[in-house]
């Protein structure tokens, strides 16, 4: 499962419903990083941040497959992918997640 966030308004809605997500509750540090990316690193209105709720390899091919994009359609660089390591053991979203 994945969530695409295009602007600060969508992030605000996600922050408001986050307590209701139970086992898929998103850690606060991840929401903060998404806000930073949207505010300072977004280049155009077509850019968005995708949050993957299921684990995946940190591999470009798997990421593009999950987004249903072809490699030829996407212009990317290594700094377009932000890996956020989440530590903790109490919550299921924090166990062995990156």
N, C-alpha and C. Protein backbone atom coordinates (compact mmCIF):
# COMPACT_ATOMS: atom_id res chain seq x y z
N UNK A 1 0.84 -1.16 0.00
CA UNK A 1 0.00 0.00 0.00
C UNK A 1 0.90 1.23 0.00
N UNK A 2 0.43 2.27 -0.67
CA UNK A 2 1.21 3.50 -0.76
C UNK A 2 0.28 4.71 -0.71
N UNK A 3 0.84 5.82 -0.28
CA UNK A 3 0.10 7.08 -0.21
C UNK A 3 0.90 8.11 -0.99
N UNK A 4 0.24 8.79 -1.93
CA UNK A 4 0.89 9.86 -2.69
C UNK A 4 0.43 11.19 -2.10
N UNK A 5 1.39 12.04 -1.79
CA UNK A 5 1.10 13.34 -1.19
C UNK A 5 1.64 14.41 -2.11
N UNK A 6 0.75 15.27 -2.60
CA UNK A 6 1.12 16.29 -3.58
C UNK A 6 1.38 17.66 -2.96
N UNK A 7 0.74 17.96 -1.80
CA UNK A 7 0.89 19.30 -1.23
C UNK A 7 0.72 19.27 0.29
N UNK A 8 0.89 20.43 0.90
CA UNK A 8 0.81 20.55 2.36
C UNK A 8 -0.59 20.27 2.88
N UNK A 9 -1.62 20.58 2.09
CA UNK A 9 -3.00 20.32 2.53
C UNK A 9 -3.25 18.82 2.69
N UNK A 10 -2.75 18.02 1.76
CA UNK A 10 -2.91 16.58 1.87
C UNK A 10 -2.12 16.04 3.05
N UNK A 11 -0.95 16.61 3.30
CA UNK A 11 -0.15 16.20 4.46
C UNK A 11 -0.88 16.54 5.76
N UNK A 12 -1.54 17.68 5.80
CA UNK A 12 -2.30 18.08 6.98
C UNK A 12 -3.46 17.10 7.24
N UNK A 13 -4.12 16.68 6.18
CA UNK A 13 -5.20 15.69 6.33
C UNK A 13 -4.63 14.37 6.85
N UNK A 14 -3.49 13.96 6.32
CA UNK A 14 -2.86 12.73 6.77
C UNK A 14 -2.47 12.83 8.25
N UNK A 15 -1.96 13.96 8.67
CA UNK A 15 -1.62 14.15 10.09
C UNK A 15 -2.87 14.04 10.97
N UNK A 16 -4.00 14.55 10.48
CA UNK A 16 -5.23 14.52 11.27
C UNK A 16 -5.83 13.12 11.38
N UNK A 17 -5.71 12.32 10.33
CA UNK A 17 -6.28 10.97 10.40
C UNK A 17 -5.26 9.93 10.88
N UNK A 18 -4.03 10.32 11.07
CA UNK A 18 -2.98 9.39 11.48
C UNK A 18 -3.32 8.62 12.76
N UNK A 19 -3.89 9.25 13.80
CA UNK A 19 -4.23 8.47 15.00
C UNK A 19 -5.27 7.38 14.74
N UNK A 20 -6.04 7.48 13.68
CA UNK A 20 -7.07 6.50 13.38
C UNK A 20 -6.55 5.31 12.57
N UNK A 21 -5.31 5.37 12.13
CA UNK A 21 -4.78 4.34 11.24
C UNK A 21 -4.34 3.06 11.96
N UNK A 22 -4.38 3.02 13.28
CA UNK A 22 -4.03 1.86 14.10
C UNK A 22 -2.68 1.29 13.72
N UNK A 23 -2.62 0.10 13.13
CA UNK A 23 -1.35 -0.56 12.86
C UNK A 23 -0.55 0.11 11.75
N UNK A 24 -1.20 0.95 10.93
CA UNK A 24 -0.49 1.67 9.86
C UNK A 24 -0.17 3.11 10.26
N UNK A 25 -0.26 3.40 11.53
CA UNK A 25 0.04 4.75 12.01
C UNK A 25 1.46 5.13 11.61
N UNK A 26 1.60 6.30 11.03
CA UNK A 26 2.88 6.74 10.49
C UNK A 26 3.65 7.48 11.58
N UNK A 27 4.92 7.12 11.80
CA UNK A 27 5.72 7.81 12.82
C UNK A 27 5.85 9.31 12.53
N UNK A 28 5.92 10.08 13.60
CA UNK A 28 5.97 11.54 13.51
C UNK A 28 7.17 12.03 12.71
N UNK A 29 8.32 11.35 12.87
CA UNK A 29 9.52 11.79 12.16
C UNK A 29 9.37 11.62 10.65
N UNK A 30 8.59 10.64 10.20
CA UNK A 30 8.35 10.45 8.78
C UNK A 30 7.46 11.58 8.24
N UNK A 31 6.42 11.93 8.99
CA UNK A 31 5.55 13.04 8.57
C UNK A 31 6.32 14.35 8.51
N UNK A 32 7.23 14.55 9.45
CA UNK A 32 8.05 15.76 9.45
C UNK A 32 8.94 15.81 8.21
N UNK A 33 9.55 14.68 7.86
CA UNK A 33 10.42 14.63 6.68
C UNK A 33 9.62 14.88 5.39
N UNK A 34 8.41 14.35 5.31
CA UNK A 34 7.56 14.59 4.14
C UNK A 34 7.25 16.09 4.02
N UNK A 35 6.95 16.74 5.14
CA UNK A 35 6.69 18.18 5.13
C UNK A 35 7.90 18.96 4.65
N UNK A 36 9.09 18.55 5.08
CA UNK A 36 10.31 19.22 4.64
C UNK A 36 10.51 19.06 3.14
N UNK A 37 10.30 17.86 2.62
CA UNK A 37 10.47 17.61 1.19
C UNK A 37 9.48 18.44 0.38
N UNK A 38 8.23 18.48 0.82
CA UNK A 38 7.21 19.24 0.08
C UNK A 38 7.51 20.74 0.09
N UNK A 39 8.04 21.22 1.20
CA UNK A 39 8.25 22.66 1.32
C UNK A 39 9.53 23.14 0.63
N UNK A 40 10.63 22.38 0.76
CA UNK A 40 11.91 22.89 0.31
C UNK A 40 12.48 22.20 -0.92
N UNK A 41 12.06 20.98 -1.23
CA UNK A 41 12.71 20.25 -2.31
C UNK A 41 11.80 19.97 -3.50
N UNK A 42 10.56 20.35 -3.42
CA UNK A 42 9.63 20.13 -4.52
C UNK A 42 9.90 21.15 -5.62
N UNK A 43 10.15 20.67 -6.84
CA UNK A 43 10.55 21.56 -7.93
C UNK A 43 9.37 22.08 -8.73
N UNK A 44 8.34 21.26 -8.93
CA UNK A 44 7.19 21.71 -9.73
C UNK A 44 5.90 21.19 -9.11
N UNK A 45 4.77 21.60 -9.67
CA UNK A 45 3.47 21.18 -9.16
C UNK A 45 3.19 19.71 -9.46
N UNK A 46 3.90 19.12 -10.41
CA UNK A 46 3.69 17.72 -10.74
C UNK A 46 4.46 16.78 -9.82
N UNK A 47 5.36 17.30 -9.01
CA UNK A 47 6.14 16.47 -8.09
C UNK A 47 5.27 16.04 -6.91
N UNK A 48 5.56 14.87 -6.38
CA UNK A 48 4.84 14.37 -5.21
C UNK A 48 5.75 13.47 -4.40
N UNK A 49 5.31 13.19 -3.19
CA UNK A 49 6.02 12.28 -2.29
C UNK A 49 5.17 11.03 -2.16
N UNK A 50 5.79 9.87 -2.32
CA UNK A 50 5.09 8.61 -2.13
C UNK A 50 5.59 7.95 -0.86
N UNK A 51 4.65 7.57 -0.02
CA UNK A 51 4.96 6.90 1.24
C UNK A 51 4.51 5.45 1.09
N UNK A 52 5.47 4.52 1.12
CA UNK A 52 5.15 3.10 1.02
C UNK A 52 4.93 2.55 2.43
N UNK A 53 3.75 1.97 2.68
CA UNK A 53 3.44 1.44 3.99
C UNK A 53 3.88 0.00 4.15
N UNK A 54 4.10 -0.69 3.05
CA UNK A 54 4.60 -2.06 3.10
C UNK A 54 6.10 -2.04 2.82
N UNK A 55 6.85 -2.93 3.44
CA UNK A 55 8.31 -2.92 3.22
C UNK A 55 8.67 -3.25 1.78
N UNK A 56 9.75 -2.66 1.31
CA UNK A 56 10.27 -2.96 -0.01
C UNK A 56 11.77 -2.78 0.01
N UNK A 57 12.42 -3.35 -0.98
CA UNK A 57 13.86 -3.19 -1.11
C UNK A 57 14.17 -1.76 -1.52
N UNK A 58 15.32 -1.29 -1.12
CA UNK A 58 15.74 0.05 -1.52
C UNK A 58 16.34 -0.04 -2.92
N UNK A 59 15.51 -0.45 -3.86
CA UNK A 59 15.93 -0.73 -5.22
C UNK A 59 15.07 0.10 -6.18
N UNK A 60 15.70 0.76 -7.11
CA UNK A 60 14.99 1.63 -8.04
C UNK A 60 13.94 0.88 -8.85
N UNK A 61 14.26 -0.31 -9.30
CA UNK A 61 13.33 -1.08 -10.13
C UNK A 61 12.08 -1.44 -9.34
N UNK A 62 12.22 -1.87 -8.10
CA UNK A 62 11.04 -2.21 -7.30
C UNK A 62 10.20 -0.98 -6.99
N UNK A 63 10.84 0.14 -6.73
CA UNK A 63 10.10 1.38 -6.46
C UNK A 63 9.29 1.78 -7.69
N UNK A 64 9.90 1.76 -8.86
CA UNK A 64 9.19 2.13 -10.09
C UNK A 64 8.08 1.13 -10.42
N UNK A 65 8.30 -0.14 -10.13
CA UNK A 65 7.25 -1.14 -10.34
C UNK A 65 6.05 -0.88 -9.45
N UNK A 66 6.29 -0.56 -8.20
CA UNK A 66 5.18 -0.27 -7.28
C UNK A 66 4.43 1.00 -7.67
N UNK A 67 5.13 1.94 -8.29
CA UNK A 67 4.49 3.18 -8.75
C UNK A 67 3.88 3.03 -10.14
N UNK A 68 4.08 1.88 -10.77
CA UNK A 68 3.59 1.60 -12.12
C UNK A 68 4.15 2.60 -13.13
N UNK A 69 5.45 2.84 -13.04
CA UNK A 69 6.14 3.74 -13.95
C UNK A 69 7.21 2.97 -14.72
N UNK A 70 7.47 3.39 -15.93
CA UNK A 70 8.53 2.80 -16.73
C UNK A 70 9.80 3.61 -16.53
N UNK A 71 10.92 2.95 -16.59
CA UNK A 71 12.21 3.62 -16.38
C UNK A 71 12.43 4.73 -17.40
N UNK A 72 11.96 4.54 -18.62
CA UNK A 72 12.16 5.54 -19.67
C UNK A 72 11.32 6.80 -19.43
N UNK A 73 10.23 6.69 -18.68
CA UNK A 73 9.34 7.83 -18.45
C UNK A 73 9.83 8.74 -17.33
N UNK A 74 10.73 8.26 -16.51
CA UNK A 74 11.09 8.96 -15.28
C UNK A 74 12.50 9.51 -15.37
N UNK A 75 12.65 10.78 -15.02
CA UNK A 75 13.97 11.37 -14.83
C UNK A 75 14.25 11.32 -13.34
N UNK A 76 15.32 10.68 -12.97
CA UNK A 76 15.60 10.52 -11.56
C UNK A 76 17.10 10.66 -11.31
N UNK A 77 17.39 10.97 -10.08
CA UNK A 77 18.77 10.98 -9.62
C UNK A 77 18.78 10.35 -8.24
N UNK A 78 19.94 10.05 -7.74
CA UNK A 78 20.04 9.35 -6.46
C UNK A 78 19.52 10.19 -5.29
N UNK A 79 19.53 11.52 -5.42
CA UNK A 79 19.06 12.34 -4.31
C UNK A 79 17.54 12.50 -4.30
N UNK A 80 16.82 11.87 -5.23
CA UNK A 80 15.36 11.92 -5.23
C UNK A 80 14.75 10.89 -4.29
N UNK A 81 15.54 9.97 -3.77
CA UNK A 81 15.04 8.94 -2.89
C UNK A 81 15.56 9.20 -1.49
N UNK A 82 14.64 9.40 -0.55
CA UNK A 82 15.01 9.64 0.84
C UNK A 82 14.65 8.40 1.65
N UNK A 83 15.64 7.83 2.28
CA UNK A 83 15.41 6.70 3.16
C UNK A 83 15.41 7.21 4.59
N UNK A 84 14.34 6.92 5.31
CA UNK A 84 14.20 7.36 6.69
C UNK A 84 14.21 6.11 7.56
N UNK A 85 15.22 5.97 8.39
CA UNK A 85 15.29 4.81 9.27
C UNK A 85 14.49 5.11 10.53
N UNK A 86 13.51 4.26 10.81
CA UNK A 86 12.64 4.45 11.96
C UNK A 86 13.02 3.43 13.01
N UNK A 87 13.33 3.91 14.20
CA UNK A 87 13.75 3.01 15.28
C UNK A 87 12.64 2.87 16.30
N UNK A 88 12.64 1.77 16.99
CA UNK A 88 11.66 1.52 18.04
C UNK A 88 11.06 0.14 17.86
N UNK A 89 10.45 -0.38 18.92
CA UNK A 89 9.91 -1.73 18.85
C UNK A 89 8.45 -1.80 19.24
N UNK A 90 7.89 -0.78 19.84
CA UNK A 90 6.52 -0.87 20.35
C UNK A 90 5.48 -0.91 19.24
N UNK A 91 5.64 -0.12 18.24
CA UNK A 91 4.62 0.01 17.21
C UNK A 91 4.99 -0.82 15.99
N UNK A 92 3.99 -1.50 15.35
CA UNK A 92 4.31 -2.34 14.19
C UNK A 92 4.95 -1.60 13.02
N UNK A 93 4.67 -0.31 12.85
CA UNK A 93 5.27 0.44 11.74
C UNK A 93 6.74 0.75 12.01
N UNK A 94 7.21 0.54 13.23
CA UNK A 94 8.59 0.87 13.58
C UNK A 94 9.50 -0.35 13.57
N UNK A 95 8.97 -1.55 13.42
CA UNK A 95 9.78 -2.76 13.46
C UNK A 95 10.46 -2.98 12.13
N UNK A 96 11.78 -2.92 12.14
CA UNK A 96 12.59 -3.23 10.97
C UNK A 96 12.13 -2.49 9.73
N UNK A 97 11.78 -1.24 9.86
CA UNK A 97 11.32 -0.44 8.72
C UNK A 97 12.36 0.60 8.36
N UNK A 98 12.45 0.86 7.08
CA UNK A 98 13.30 1.95 6.57
C UNK A 98 12.43 2.79 5.67
